[in-house]
Amino acid sequence: MSEHFDRFLEGWTKGDVEMLLSACAEDFVFDDAIDGRFTKAEFPAYFDSLSEGVLKITDVVTEEIGGLETAWCWWSLEAPTGATLVSQEGAALAKVGRDGVHWQKVTYYAREPHIVPR
């Protein structure tokens, strides 16, 4: 199962939505605390709407119980020079089965006024 999550994270860091989605189960749902929930079919449009920058993923922790893997990680997005959006960071939680990533929930960590809904 970790191979699914590893490919999922690699898709994020490379900005490759096809790679990311290839690691997802058919019932995949992405839940963003600011922008809302997106199904696997809706996800590419959401992904394209994201700001450019350098995404780093650290502190990955996984646990497998009863055929399901729970994965946590810390993410940070460094905004490019001159961007109107400030850098962001937060935590993500995912559930991964034998058929791929079923869902991921993303939260944001910031001190005001750094997070501004789009």
PDB file of N, CA and C in Angstrom:
ATOM      1  N   MET A   1       0.818  -1.194   0.000  1.00  0.00           N
ATOM      2  CA  MET A   1       0.000   0.000   0.000  1.00  0.00           C
ATOM      3  C   MET A   1       0.857   1.252   0.000  1.00  0.00           C
ATOM      4  N   SER A   2       2.003   1.190   0.639  1.00  0.00           N
ATOM      5  CA  SER A   2       2.875   2.359   0.667  1.00  0.00           C
ATOM      6  C   SER A   2       3.295   2.797  -0.725  1.00  0.00           C
ATOM      7  N   GLU A   3       3.372   1.841  -1.667  1.00  0.00           N
ATOM      8  CA  GLU A   3       3.738   2.237  -3.027  1.00  0.00           C
ATOM      9  C   GLU A   3       2.701   3.194  -3.617  1.00  0.00           C
ATOM     10  N   HIS A   4       1.422   3.001  -3.261  1.00  0.00           N
ATOM     11  CA  HIS A   4       0.387   3.936  -3.722  1.00  0.00           C
ATOM     12  C   HIS A   4       0.627   5.320  -3.127  1.00  0.00           C
ATOM     13  N   PHE A   5       0.860   5.374  -1.822  1.00  0.00           N
ATOM     14  CA  PHE A   5       1.045   6.671  -1.169  1.00  0.00           C
ATOM     15  C   PHE A   5       2.346   7.336  -1.626  1.00  0.00           C
ATOM     16  N   ASP A   6       3.400   6.541  -1.817  1.00  0.00           N
ATOM     17  CA  ASP A   6       4.664   7.096  -2.320  1.00  0.00           C
ATOM     18  C   ASP A   6       4.472   7.741  -3.691  1.00  0.00           C
ATOM     19  N   ARG A   7       3.744   7.052  -4.593  1.00  0.00           N
ATOM     20  CA  ARG A   7       3.490   7.606  -5.932  1.00  0.00           C
ATOM     21  C   ARG A   7       2.597   8.848  -5.837  1.00  0.00           C
ATOM     22  N   PHE A   8       1.619   8.818  -4.931  1.00  0.00           N
ATOM     23  CA  PHE A   8       0.736   9.947  -4.687  1.00  0.00           C
ATOM     24  C   PHE A   8       1.551  11.178  -4.274  1.00  0.00           C
ATOM     25  N   LEU A   9       2.447  11.007  -3.294  1.00  0.00           N
ATOM     26  CA  LEU A   9       3.283  12.124  -2.847  1.00  0.00           C
ATOM     27  C   LEU A   9       4.231  12.594  -3.932  1.00  0.00           C
ATOM     28  N   GLU A  10       4.785  11.664  -4.693  1.00  0.00           N
ATOM     29  CA  GLU A  10       5.680  12.050  -5.790  1.00  0.00           C
ATOM     30  C   GLU A  10       4.929  12.879  -6.830  1.00  0.00           C
ATOM     31  N   GLY A  11       3.689  12.510  -7.114  1.00  0.00           N
ATOM     32  CA  GLY A  11       2.874  13.306  -8.032  1.00  0.00           C
ATOM     33  C   GLY A  11       2.679  14.727  -7.529  1.00  0.00           C
ATOM     34  N   TRP A  12       2.435  14.872  -6.220  1.00  0.00           N
ATOM     35  CA  TRP A  12       2.299  16.204  -5.627  1.00  0.00           C
ATOM     36  C   TRP A  12       3.579  17.012  -5.797  1.00  0.00           C
ATOM     37  N   THR A  13       4.725  16.430  -5.407  1.00  0.00           N
ATOM     38  CA  THR A  13       5.967  17.195  -5.410  1.00  0.00           C
ATOM     39  C   THR A  13       6.458  17.515  -6.818  1.00  0.00           C
ATOM     40  N   LYS A  14       6.100  16.668  -7.791  1.00  0.00           N
ATOM     41  CA  LYS A  14       6.495  16.927  -9.179  1.00  0.00           C
ATOM     42  C   LYS A  14       5.462  17.772  -9.929  1.00  0.00           C
ATOM     43  N   GLY A  15       4.325  18.014  -9.290  1.00  0.00           N
ATOM     44  CA  GLY A  15       3.266  18.759  -9.975  1.00  0.00           C
ATOM     45  C   GLY A  15       2.636  17.953 -11.094  1.00  0.00           C
ATOM     46  N   ASP A  16       2.605  16.627 -10.954  1.00  0.00           N
ATOM     47  CA  ASP A  16       2.128  15.711 -11.997  1.00  0.00           C
ATOM     48  C   ASP A  16       0.800  15.102 -11.563  1.00  0.00           C
ATOM     49  N   VAL A  17      -0.294  15.700 -12.017  1.00  0.00           N
ATOM     50  CA  VAL A  17      -1.618  15.252 -11.592  1.00  0.00           C
ATOM     51  C   VAL A  17      -1.923  13.850 -12.100  1.00  0.00           C
ATOM     52  N   GLU A  18      -1.428  13.468 -13.261  1.00  0.00           N
ATOM     53  CA  GLU A  18      -1.668  12.118 -13.776  1.00  0.00           C
ATOM     54  C   GLU A  18      -1.004  11.075 -12.884  1.00  0.00           C
ATOM     55  N   MET A  19       0.224  11.336 -12.466  1.00  0.00           N
ATOM     56  CA  MET A  19       0.920  10.417 -11.557  1.00  0.00           C
ATOM     57  C   MET A  19       0.164  10.316 -10.239  1.00  0.00           C
ATOM     58  N   LEU A  20      -0.242  11.452  -9.723  1.00  0.00           N
ATOM     59  CA  LEU A  20      -0.975  11.505  -8.473  1.00  0.00           C
ATOM     60  C   LEU A  20      -2.259  10.683  -8.570  1.00  0.00           C
ATOM     61  N   LEU A  21      -3.035  10.903  -9.622  1.00  0.00           N
ATOM     62  CA  LEU A  21      -4.304  10.199  -9.772  1.00  0.00           C
ATOM     63  C   LEU A  21      -4.120   8.711 -10.042  1.00  0.00           C
ATOM     64  N   SER A  22      -2.993   8.335 -10.630  1.00  0.00           N
ATOM     65  CA  SER A  22      -2.749   6.900 -10.884  1.00  0.00           C
ATOM     66  C   SER A  22      -2.582   6.132  -9.579  1.00  0.00           C
ATOM     67  N   ALA A  23      -2.327   6.832  -8.491  1.00  0.00           N
ATOM     68  CA  ALA A  23      -2.172   6.202  -7.185  1.00  0.00           C
ATOM     69  C   ALA A  23      -3.484   6.166  -6.405  1.00  0.00           C
ATOM     70  N   CYS A  24      -4.553   6.715  -6.976  1.00  0.00           N
ATOM     71  CA  CYS A  24      -5.821   6.855  -6.255  1.00  0.00           C
ATOM     72  C   CYS A  24      -6.815   5.762  -6.612  1.00  0.00           C
ATOM     73  N   ALA A  25      -7.604   5.359  -5.612  1.00  0.00           N
ATOM     74  CA  ALA A  25      -8.717   4.444  -5.822  1.00  0.00           C
ATOM     75  C   ALA A  25      -9.824   5.185  -6.570  1.00  0.00           C
ATOM     76  N   GLU A  26     -10.750   4.432  -7.139  1.00  0.00           N
ATOM     77  CA  GLU A  26     -11.850   5.057  -7.896  1.00  0.00           C
ATOM     78  C   GLU A  26     -12.723   5.955  -7.026  1.00  0.00           C
ATOM     79  N   ASP A  27     -12.841   5.658  -5.736  1.00  0.00           N
ATOM     80  CA  ASP A  27     -13.692   6.457  -4.851  1.00  0.00           C
ATOM     81  C   ASP A  27     -12.929   7.595  -4.161  1.00  0.00           C
ATOM     82  N   PHE A  28     -11.761   7.956  -4.684  1.00  0.00           N
ATOM     83  CA  PHE A  28     -10.923   8.992  -4.091  1.00  0.00           C
ATOM     84  C   PHE A  28     -11.674  10.310  -3.902  1.00  0.00           C
ATOM     85  N   VAL A  29     -11.478  10.911  -2.724  1.00  0.00           N
ATOM     86  CA  VAL A  29     -12.009  12.249  -2.418  1.00  0.00           C
ATOM     87  C   VAL A  29     -10.891  13.039  -1.749  1.00  0.00           C
ATOM     88  N   PHE A  30     -10.694  14.261  -2.220  1.00  0.00           N
ATOM     89  CA  PHE A  30      -9.713  15.175  -1.636  1.00  0.00           C
ATOM     90  C   PHE A  30     -10.479  16.260  -0.906  1.00  0.00           C
ATOM     91  N   ASP A  31     -10.128  16.485   0.346  1.00  0.00           N
ATOM     92  CA  ASP A  31     -10.844  17.441   1.185  1.00  0.00           C
ATOM     93  C   ASP A  31      -9.873  18.531   1.637  1.00  0.00           C
ATOM     94  N   ASP A  32     -10.054  19.741   1.093  1.00  0.00           N
ATOM     95  CA  ASP A  32      -9.218  20.896   1.409  1.00  0.00           C
ATOM     96  C   ASP A  32      -9.997  21.785   2.378  1.00  0.00           C
ATOM     97  N   ALA A  33      -9.392  22.104   3.508  1.00  0.00           N
ATOM     98  CA  ALA A  33     -10.076  22.880   4.544  1.00  0.00           C
ATOM     99  C   ALA A  33     -10.543  24.253   4.057  1.00  0.00           C
ATOM    100  N   ILE A  34      -9.926  24.781   3.021  1.00  0.00           N
ATOM    101  CA  ILE A  34     -10.312  26.097   2.505  1.00  0.00           C
ATOM    102  C   ILE A  34     -11.175  25.986   1.247  1.00  0.00           C
ATOM    103  N   ASP A  35     -10.762  25.139   0.311  1.00  0.00           N
ATOM    104  CA  ASP A  35     -11.412  25.100  -1.003  1.00  0.00           C
ATOM    105  C   ASP A  35     -12.532  24.080  -1.149  1.00  0.00           C
ATOM    106  N   GLY A  36     -12.666  23.126  -0.234  1.00  0.00           N
ATOM    107  CA  GLY A  36     -13.773  22.175  -0.297  1.00  0.00           C
ATOM    108  C   GLY A  36     -13.346  20.764  -0.664  1.00  0.00           C
ATOM    109  N   ARG A  37     -14.347  19.965  -1.039  1.00  0.00           N
ATOM    110  CA  ARG A  37     -14.145  18.543  -1.357  1.00  0.00           C
ATOM    111  C   ARG A  37     -14.194  18.324  -2.864  1.00  0.00           C
ATOM    112  N   PHE A  38     -13.335  17.400  -3.333  1.00  0.00           N
ATOM    113  CA  PHE A  38     -13.230  17.119  -4.763  1.00  0.00           C
ATOM    114  C   PHE A  38     -13.125  15.618  -4.995  1.00  0.00           C
ATOM    115  N   THR A  39     -13.944  15.099  -5.906  1.00  0.00           N
ATOM    116  CA  THR A  39     -13.869  13.696  -6.280  1.00  0.00           C
ATOM    117  C   THR A  39     -12.673  13.492  -7.219  1.00  0.00           C
ATOM    118  N   LYS A  40     -12.411  12.255  -7.553  1.00  0.00           N
ATOM    119  CA  LYS A  40     -11.307  11.955  -8.466  1.00  0.00           C
ATOM    120  C   LYS A  40     -11.522  12.649  -9.813  1.00  0.00           C
ATOM    121  N   ALA A  41     -12.752  12.694 -10.290  1.00  0.00           N
ATOM    122  CA  ALA A  41     -13.052  13.350 -11.565  1.00  0.00           C
ATOM    123  C   ALA A  41     -12.889  14.869 -11.478  1.00  0.00           C
ATOM    124  N   GLU A  42     -13.177  15.460 -10.337  1.00  0.00           N
ATOM    125  CA  GLU A  42     -13.087  16.909 -10.154  1.00  0.00           C
ATOM    126  C   GLU A  42     -11.679  17.378  -9.811  1.00  0.00           C
ATOM    127  N   PHE A  43     -10.848  16.452  -9.348  1.00  0.00           N
ATOM    128  CA  PHE A  43      -9.546  16.825  -8.814  1.00  0.00           C
ATOM    129  C   PHE A  43      -8.620  17.536  -9.806  1.00  0.00           C
ATOM    130  N   PRO A  44      -8.535  17.117 -11.085  1.00  0.00           N
ATOM    131  CA  PRO A  44      -7.619  17.816 -11.996  1.00  0.00           C
ATOM    132  C   PRO A  44      -7.887  19.317 -12.110  1.00  0.00           C
ATOM    133  N   ALA A  45      -9.140  19.735 -12.127  1.00  0.00           N
ATOM    134  CA  ALA A  45      -9.455  21.167 -12.198  1.00  0.00           C
ATOM    135  C   ALA A  45      -9.002  21.870 -10.916  1.00  0.00           C
ATOM    136  N   TYR A  46      -9.219  21.241  -9.780  1.00  0.00           N
ATOM    137  CA  TYR A  46      -8.738  21.804  -8.513  1.00  0.00           C
ATOM    138  C   TYR A  46      -7.215  21.925  -8.543  1.00  0.00           C
ATOM    139  N   PHE A  47      -6.536  20.877  -8.958  1.00  0.00           N
ATOM    140  CA  PHE A  47      -5.074  20.846  -8.999  1.00  0.00           C
ATOM    141  C   PHE A  47      -4.540  21.973  -9.882  1.00  0.00           C
ATOM    142  N   ASP A  48      -5.173  22.174 -11.037  1.00  0.00           N
ATOM    143  CA  ASP A  48      -4.755  23.239 -11.954  1.00  0.00           C
ATOM    144  C   ASP A  48      -4.946  24.628 -11.367  1.00  0.00           C
ATOM    145  N   SER A  49      -5.872  24.763 -10.410  1.00  0.00           N
ATOM    146  CA  SER A  49      -6.143  26.074  -9.816  1.00  0.00           C
ATOM    147  C   SER A  49      -5.141  26.451  -8.728  1.00  0.00           C
ATOM    148  N   LEU A  50      -4.314  25.502  -8.315  1.00  0.00           N
ATOM    149  CA  LEU A  50      -3.382  25.765  -7.220  1.00  0.00           C
ATOM    150  C   LEU A  50      -2.268  26.702  -7.654  1.00  0.00           C
ATOM    151  N   SER A  51      -1.753  27.418  -6.694  1.00  0.00           N
ATOM    152  CA  SER A  51      -0.635  28.331  -6.948  1.00  0.00           C
ATOM    153  C   SER A  51       0.629  27.545  -7.249  1.00  0.00           C
ATOM    154  N   GLU A  52       1.466  28.145  -8.067  1.00  0.00           N
ATOM    155  CA  GLU A  52       2.764  27.529  -8.320  1.00  0.00           C
ATOM    156  C   GLU A  52       3.674  27.796  -7.145  1.00  0.00           C
ATOM    157  N   GLY A  53       4.653  26.973  -7.002  1.00  0.00           N
ATOM    158  CA  GLY A  53       5.616  27.105  -5.926  1.00  0.00           C
ATOM    159  C   GLY A  53       6.352  25.797  -5.744  1.00  0.00           C
ATOM    160  N   VAL A  54       7.190  25.747  -4.740  1.00  0.00           N
ATOM    161  CA  VAL A  54       7.960  24.543  -4.446  1.00  0.00           C
ATOM    162  C   VAL A  54       7.305  23.836  -3.267  1.00  0.00           C
ATOM    163  N   LEU A  55       6.750  22.640  -3.522  1.00  0.00           N
ATOM    164  CA  LEU A  55       6.093  21.864  -2.483  1.00  0.00           C
ATOM    165  C   LEU A  55       7.093  20.903  -1.857  1.00  0.00           C
ATOM    166  N   LYS A  56       7.151  20.931  -0.540  1.00  0.00           N
ATOM    167  CA  LYS A  56       8.000  20.000   0.205  1.00  0.00           C
ATOM    168  C   LYS A  56       7.114  19.194   1.135  1.00  0.00           C
ATOM    169  N   ILE A  57       7.379  17.897   1.210  1.00  0.00           N
ATOM    170  CA  ILE A  57       6.645  17.017   2.103  1.00  0.00           C
ATOM    171  C   ILE A  57       7.648  16.379   3.053  1.00  0.00           C
ATOM    172  N   THR A  58       7.381  16.517   4.343  1.00  0.00           N
ATOM    173  CA  THR A  58       8.293  15.990   5.357  1.00  0.00           C
ATOM    174  C   THR A  58       7.499  15.252   6.425  1.00  0.00           C
ATOM    175  N   ASP A  59       8.216  14.641   7.329  1.00  0.00           N
ATOM    176  CA  ASP A  59       7.622  14.002   8.507  1.00  0.00           C
ATOM    177  C   ASP A  59       6.475  13.058   8.148  1.00  0.00           C
ATOM    178  N   VAL A  60       6.727  12.167   7.206  1.00  0.00           N
ATOM    179  CA  VAL A  60       5.716  11.194   6.785  1.00  0.00           C
ATOM    180  C   VAL A  60       5.687  10.049   7.797  1.00  0.00           C
ATOM    181  N   VAL A  61       4.493   9.749   8.291  1.00  0.00           N
ATOM    182  CA  VAL A  61       4.290   8.655   9.242  1.00  0.00           C
ATOM    183  C   VAL A  61       3.164   7.790   8.706  1.00  0.00           C
ATOM    184  N   THR A  62       3.366   6.468   8.701  1.00  0.00           N
ATOM    185  CA  THR A  62       2.320   5.565   8.227  1.00  0.00           C
ATOM    186  C   THR A  62       2.080   4.471   9.254  1.00  0.00           C
ATOM    187  N   GLU A  63       0.857   3.958   9.230  1.00  0.00           N
ATOM    188  CA  GLU A  63       0.479   2.853  10.103  1.00  0.00           C
ATOM    189  C   GLU A  63      -0.539   2.003   9.355  1.00  0.00           C
ATOM    190  N   GLU A  64      -0.322   0.701   9.338  1.00  0.00           N
ATOM    191  CA  GLU A  64      -1.258  -0.196   8.669  1.00  0.00           C
ATOM    192  C   GLU A  64      -1.983  -1.044   9.703  1.00  0.00           C
ATOM    193  N   ILE A  65      -3.303  -1.011   9.635  1.00  0.00           N
ATOM    194  CA  ILE A  65      -4.142  -1.811  10.529  1.00  0.00           C
ATOM    195  C   ILE A  65      -5.285  -2.385   9.696  1.00  0.00           C
ATOM    196  N   GLY A  66      -5.429  -3.679   9.747  1.00  0.00           N
ATOM    197  CA  GLY A  66      -6.569  -4.324   9.096  1.00  0.00           C
ATOM    198  C   GLY A  66      -6.677  -4.069   7.611  1.00  0.00           C
ATOM    199  N   GLY A  67      -5.558  -3.992   6.916  1.00  0.00           N
ATOM    200  CA  GLY A  67      -5.598  -3.810   5.468  1.00  0.00           C
ATOM    201  C   GLY A  67      -5.746  -2.376   5.000  1.00  0.00           C
ATOM    202  N   LEU A  68      -5.797  -1.427   5.931  1.00  0.00           N
ATOM    203  CA  LEU A  68      -5.851  -0.004   5.573  1.00  0.00           C
ATOM    204  C   LEU A  68      -4.643   0.702   6.153  1.00  0.00           C
ATOM    205  N   GLU A  69      -4.043   1.531   5.339  1.00  0.00           N
ATOM    206  CA  GLU A  69      -2.902   2.322   5.790  1.00  0.00           C
ATOM    207  C   GLU A  69      -3.374   3.743   6.071  1.00  0.00           C
ATOM    208  N   THR A  70      -2.996   4.260   7.214  1.00  0.00           N
ATOM    209  CA  THR A  70      -3.222   5.661   7.543  1.00  0.00           C
ATOM    210  C   THR A  70      -1.880   6.361   7.389  1.00  0.00           C
ATOM    211  N   ALA A  71      -1.864   7.474   6.681  1.00  0.00           N
ATOM    212  CA  ALA A  71      -0.613   8.196   6.433  1.00  0.00           C
ATOM    213  C   ALA A  71      -0.799   9.664   6.808  1.00  0.00           C
ATOM    214  N   TRP A  72       0.178  10.184   7.538  1.00  0.00           N
ATOM    215  CA  TRP A  72       0.203  11.589   7.931  1.00  0.00           C
ATOM    216  C   TRP A  72       1.462  12.218   7.352  1.00  0.00           C
ATOM    217  N   CYS A  73       1.398  13.482   7.047  1.00  0.00           N
ATOM    218  CA  CYS A  73       2.614  14.187   6.632  1.00  0.00           C
ATOM    219  C   CYS A  73       2.454  15.679   6.876  1.00  0.00           C
ATOM    220  N   TRP A  74       3.582  16.359   6.888  1.00  0.00           N
ATOM    221  CA  TRP A  74       3.622  17.815   6.967  1.00  0.00           C
ATOM    222  C   TRP A  74       3.988  18.311   5.582  1.00  0.00           C
ATOM    223  N   TRP A  75       3.307  19.348   5.118  1.00  0.00           N
ATOM    224  CA  TRP A  75       3.607  19.898   3.793  1.00  0.00           C
ATOM    225  C   TRP A  75       3.894  21.386   3.925  1.00  0.00           C
ATOM    226  N   SER A  76       4.705  21.882   3.018  1.00  0.00           N
ATOM    227  CA  SER A  76       4.945  23.327   2.957  1.00  0.00           C
ATOM    228  C   SER A  76       5.086  23.719   1.486  1.00  0.00           C
ATOM    229  N   LEU A  77       4.539  24.864   1.177  1.00  0.00           N
ATOM    230  CA  LEU A  77       4.594  25.401  -0.177  1.00  0.00           C
ATOM    231  C   LEU A  77       5.292  26.744  -0.124  1.00  0.00           C
ATOM    232  N   GLU A  78       6.437  26.803  -0.745  1.00  0.00           N
ATOM    233  CA  GLU A  78       7.189  28.048  -0.809  1.00  0.00           C
ATOM    234  C   GLU A  78       6.764  28.793  -2.069  1.00  0.00           C
ATOM    235  N   ALA A  79       6.150  29.940  -1.875  1.00  0.00           N
ATOM    236  CA  ALA A  79       5.668  30.726  -3.007  1.00  0.00           C
ATOM    237  C   ALA A  79       6.852  31.260  -3.812  1.00  0.00           C
ATOM    238  N   PRO A  80       6.705  31.308  -5.145  1.00  0.00           N
ATOM    239  CA  PRO A  80       7.785  31.862  -5.962  1.00  0.00           C
ATOM    240  C   PRO A  80       7.979  33.349  -5.704  1.00  0.00           C
ATOM    241  N   THR A  81       9.158  33.832  -5.966  1.00  0.00           N
ATOM    242  CA  THR A  81       9.466  35.249  -5.798  1.00  0.00           C
ATOM    243  C   THR A  81       8.492  36.087  -6.617  1.00  0.00           C
ATOM    244  N   GLY A  82       7.929  37.098  -6.000  1.00  0.00           N
ATOM    245  CA  GLY A  82       7.004  37.984  -6.686  1.00  0.00           C
ATOM    246  C   GLY A  82       5.565  37.517  -6.674  1.00  0.00           C
ATOM    247  N   ALA A  83       5.288  36.355  -6.101  1.00  0.00           N
ATOM    248  CA  ALA A  83       3.918  35.846  -6.065  1.00  0.00           C
ATOM    249  C   ALA A  83       3.090  36.645  -5.073  1.00  0.00           C
ATOM    250  N   THR A  84       1.807  36.763  -5.356  1.00  0.00           N
ATOM    251  CA  THR A  84       0.919  37.475  -4.446  1.00  0.00           C
ATOM    252  C   THR A  84       0.526  36.604  -3.255  1.00  0.00           C
ATOM    253  N   LEU A  85       0.592  35.301  -3.410  1.00  0.00           N
ATOM    254  CA  LEU A  85       0.255  34.388  -2.333  1.00  0.00           C
ATOM    255  C   LEU A  85       1.483  34.142  -1.473  1.00  0.00           C
ATOM    256  N   VAL A  86       1.309  34.167  -0.179  1.00  0.00           N
ATOM    257  CA  VAL A  86       2.431  33.903   0.727  1.00  0.00           C
ATOM    258  C   VAL A  86       2.630  32.396   0.847  1.00  0.00           C
ATOM    259  N   SER A  87       3.780  32.012   1.363  1.00  0.00           N
ATOM    260  CA  SER A  87       4.060  30.603   1.587  1.00  0.00           C
ATOM    261  C   SER A  87       3.049  30.032   2.571  1.00  0.00           C
ATOM    262  N   GLN A  88       2.774  28.736   2.425  1.00  0.00           N
ATOM    263  CA  GLN A  88       1.789  28.065   3.259  1.00  0.00           C
ATOM    264  C   GLN A  88       2.374  26.768   3.785  1.00  0.00           C
ATOM    265  N   GLU A  89       1.773  26.248   4.863  1.00  0.00           N
ATOM    266  CA  GLU A  89       2.159  24.945   5.370  1.00  0.00           C
ATOM    267  C   GLU A  89       0.995  24.357   6.137  1.00  0.00           C
ATOM    268  N   GLY A  90       1.071  23.044   6.363  1.00  0.00           N
ATOM    269  CA  GLY A  90       0.009  22.383   7.092  1.00  0.00           C
ATOM    270  C   GLY A  90       0.240  20.893   7.194  1.00  0.00           C
ATOM    271  N   ALA A  91      -0.791  20.190   7.619  1.00  0.00           N
ATOM    272  CA  ALA A  91      -0.732  18.747   7.781  1.00  0.00           C
ATOM    273  C   ALA A  91      -1.741  18.090   6.845  1.00  0.00           C
ATOM    274  N   ALA A  92      -1.461  16.835   6.515  1.00  0.00           N
ATOM    275  CA  ALA A  92      -2.373  16.068   5.662  1.00  0.00           C
ATOM    276  C   ALA A  92      -2.522  14.670   6.255  1.00  0.00           C
ATOM    277  N   LEU A  93      -3.701  14.129   6.105  1.00  0.00           N
ATOM    278  CA  LEU A  93      -4.024  12.791   6.566  1.00  0.00           C
ATOM    279  C   LEU A  93      -4.643  12.041   5.402  1.00  0.00           C
ATOM    280  N   ALA A  94      -4.230  10.795   5.180  1.00  0.00           N
ATOM    281  CA  ALA A  94      -4.761  10.013   4.067  1.00  0.00           C
ATOM    282  C   ALA A  94      -5.069   8.589   4.504  1.00  0.00           C
ATOM    283  N   LYS A  95      -6.024   7.965   3.823  1.00  0.00           N
ATOM    284  CA  LYS A  95      -6.336   6.549   3.986  1.00  0.00           C
ATOM    285  C   LYS A  95      -6.029   5.862   2.667  1.00  0.00           C
ATOM    286  N   VAL A  96      -5.269   4.770   2.754  1.00  0.00           N
ATOM    287  CA  VAL A  96      -4.806   4.063   1.570  1.00  0.00           C
ATOM    288  C   VAL A  96      -5.166   2.590   1.701  1.00  0.00           C
ATOM    289  N   GLY A  97      -5.776   2.046   0.655  1.00  0.00           N
ATOM    290  CA  GLY A  97      -6.103   0.625   0.616  1.00  0.00           C
ATOM    291  C   GLY A  97      -5.293  -0.073  -0.457  1.00  0.00           C
ATOM    292  N   ARG A  98      -5.566  -1.340  -0.657  1.00  0.00           N
ATOM    293  CA  ARG A  98      -4.837  -2.111  -1.672  1.00  0.00           C
ATOM    294  C   ARG A  98      -5.051  -1.568  -3.083  1.00  0.00           C
ATOM    295  N   ASP A  99      -6.173  -0.870  -3.290  1.00  0.00           N
ATOM    296  CA  ASP A  99      -6.482  -0.328  -4.610  1.00  0.00           C
ATOM    297  C   ASP A  99      -6.091   1.140  -4.769  1.00  0.00           C
ATOM    298  N   GLY A 100      -5.438   1.729  -3.767  1.00  0.00           N
ATOM    299  CA  GLY A 100      -4.960   3.100  -3.896  1.00  0.00           C
ATOM    300  C   GLY A 100      -5.407   4.007  -2.767  1.00  0.00           C
ATOM    301  N   VAL A 101      -5.128   5.289  -2.936  1.00  0.00           N
ATOM    302  CA  VAL A 101      -5.488   6.307  -1.944  1.00  0.00           C
ATOM    303  C   VAL A 101      -6.986   6.563  -2.050  1.00  0.00           C
ATOM    304  N   HIS A 102      -7.695   6.407  -0.934  1.00  0.00           N
ATOM    305  CA  HIS A 102      -9.147   6.613  -0.929  1.00  0.00           C
ATOM    306  C   HIS A 102      -9.515   8.054  -0.619  1.00  0.00           C
ATOM    307  N   TRP A 103      -8.798   8.660   0.310  1.00  0.00           N
ATOM    308  CA  TRP A 103      -9.069  10.075   0.602  1.00  0.00           C
ATOM    309  C   TRP A 103      -7.858  10.719   1.244  1.00  0.00           C
ATOM    310  N   GLN A 104      -7.839  12.033   1.096  1.00  0.00           N
ATOM    311  CA  GLN A 104      -6.841  12.842   1.780  1.00  0.00           C
ATOM    312  C   GLN A 104      -7.527  14.100   2.277  1.00  0.00           C
ATOM    313  N   LYS A 105      -7.189  14.475   3.507  1.00  0.00           N
ATOM    314  CA  LYS A 105      -7.689  15.708   4.111  1.00  0.00           C
ATOM    315  C   LYS A 105      -6.489  16.591   4.404  1.00  0.00           C
ATOM    316  N   VAL A 106      -6.596  17.859   4.014  1.00  0.00           N
ATOM    317  CA  VAL A 106      -5.487  18.798   4.165  1.00  0.00           C
ATOM    318  C   VAL A 106      -5.921  19.940   5.071  1.00  0.00           C
ATOM    319  N   THR A 107      -5.066  20.248   6.029  1.00  0.00           N
ATOM    320  CA  THR A 107      -5.308  21.388   6.915  1.00  0.00           C
ATOM    321  C   THR A 107      -4.176  22.393   6.750  1.00  0.00           C
ATOM    322  N   TYR A 108      -4.410  23.596   7.219  1.00  0.00           N
ATOM    323  CA  TYR A 108      -3.438  24.686   7.080  1.00  0.00           C
ATOM    324  C   TYR A 108      -2.984  25.156   8.453  1.00  0.00           C
ATOM    325  N   TYR A 109      -1.716  25.503   8.536  1.00  0.00           N
ATOM    326  CA  TYR A 109      -1.157  26.076   9.753  1.00  0.00           C
ATOM    327  C   TYR A 109      -0.585  27.442   9.388  1.00  0.00           C
ATOM    328  N   ALA A 110      -1.015  28.454  10.085  1.00  0.00           N
ATOM    329  CA  ALA A 110      -0.485  29.793   9.806  1.00  0.00           C
ATOM    330  C   ALA A 110      -0.886  30.731  10.921  1.00  0.00           C
ATOM    331  N   ARG A 111      -0.130  31.780  11.005  1.00  0.00           N
ATOM    332  CA  ARG A 111      -0.509  32.874  11.887  1.00  0.00           C
ATOM    333  C   ARG A 111      -1.131  33.941  10.993  1.00  0.00           C
ATOM    334  N   GLU A 112      -2.197  34.518  11.440  1.00  0.00           N
ATOM    335  CA  GLU A 112      -2.890  35.548  10.651  1.00  0.00           C
ATOM    336  C   GLU A 112      -1.905  36.616  10.209  1.00  0.00           C
ATOM    337  N   PRO A 113      -2.015  37.208   9.092  1.00  0.00           N
ATOM    338  CA  PRO A 113      -3.054  37.071   8.079  1.00  0.00           C
ATOM    339  C   PRO A 113      -2.605  36.203   6.905  1.00  0.00           C
ATOM    340  N   HIS A 114      -1.818  35.187   7.137  1.00  0.00           N
ATOM    341  CA  HIS A 114      -1.182  34.459   6.045  1.00  0.00           C
ATOM    342  C   HIS A 114      -2.102  33.612   5.191  1.00  0.00           C
ATOM    343  N   ILE A 115      -3.214  33.166   5.714  1.00  0.00           N
ATOM    344  CA  ILE A 115      -4.111  32.359   4.889  1.00  0.00           C
ATOM    345  C   ILE A 115      -5.279  33.217   4.463  1.00  0.00           C
ATOM    346  N   VAL A 116      -5.390  33.357   3.188  1.00  0.00           N
ATOM    347  CA  VAL A 116      -6.456  34.162   2.608  1.00  0.00           C
ATOM    348  C   VAL A 116      -7.211  33.283   1.632  1.00  0.00           C
ATOM    349  N   PRO A 117      -8.496  32.974   1.897  1.00  0.00           N
ATOM    350  CA  PRO A 117      -9.248  32.144   0.960  1.00  0.00           C
ATOM    351  C   PRO A 117      -9.223  32.746  -0.437  1.00  0.00           C
ATOM    352  N   ARG A 118      -9.132  31.878  -1.420  1.00  0.00           N
ATOM    353  CA  ARG A 118      -9.104  32.341  -2.824  1.00  0.00           C
ATOM    354  C   ARG A 118     -10.445  32.806  -3.269  1.00  0.00           C
TER     355      ARG A 118
END
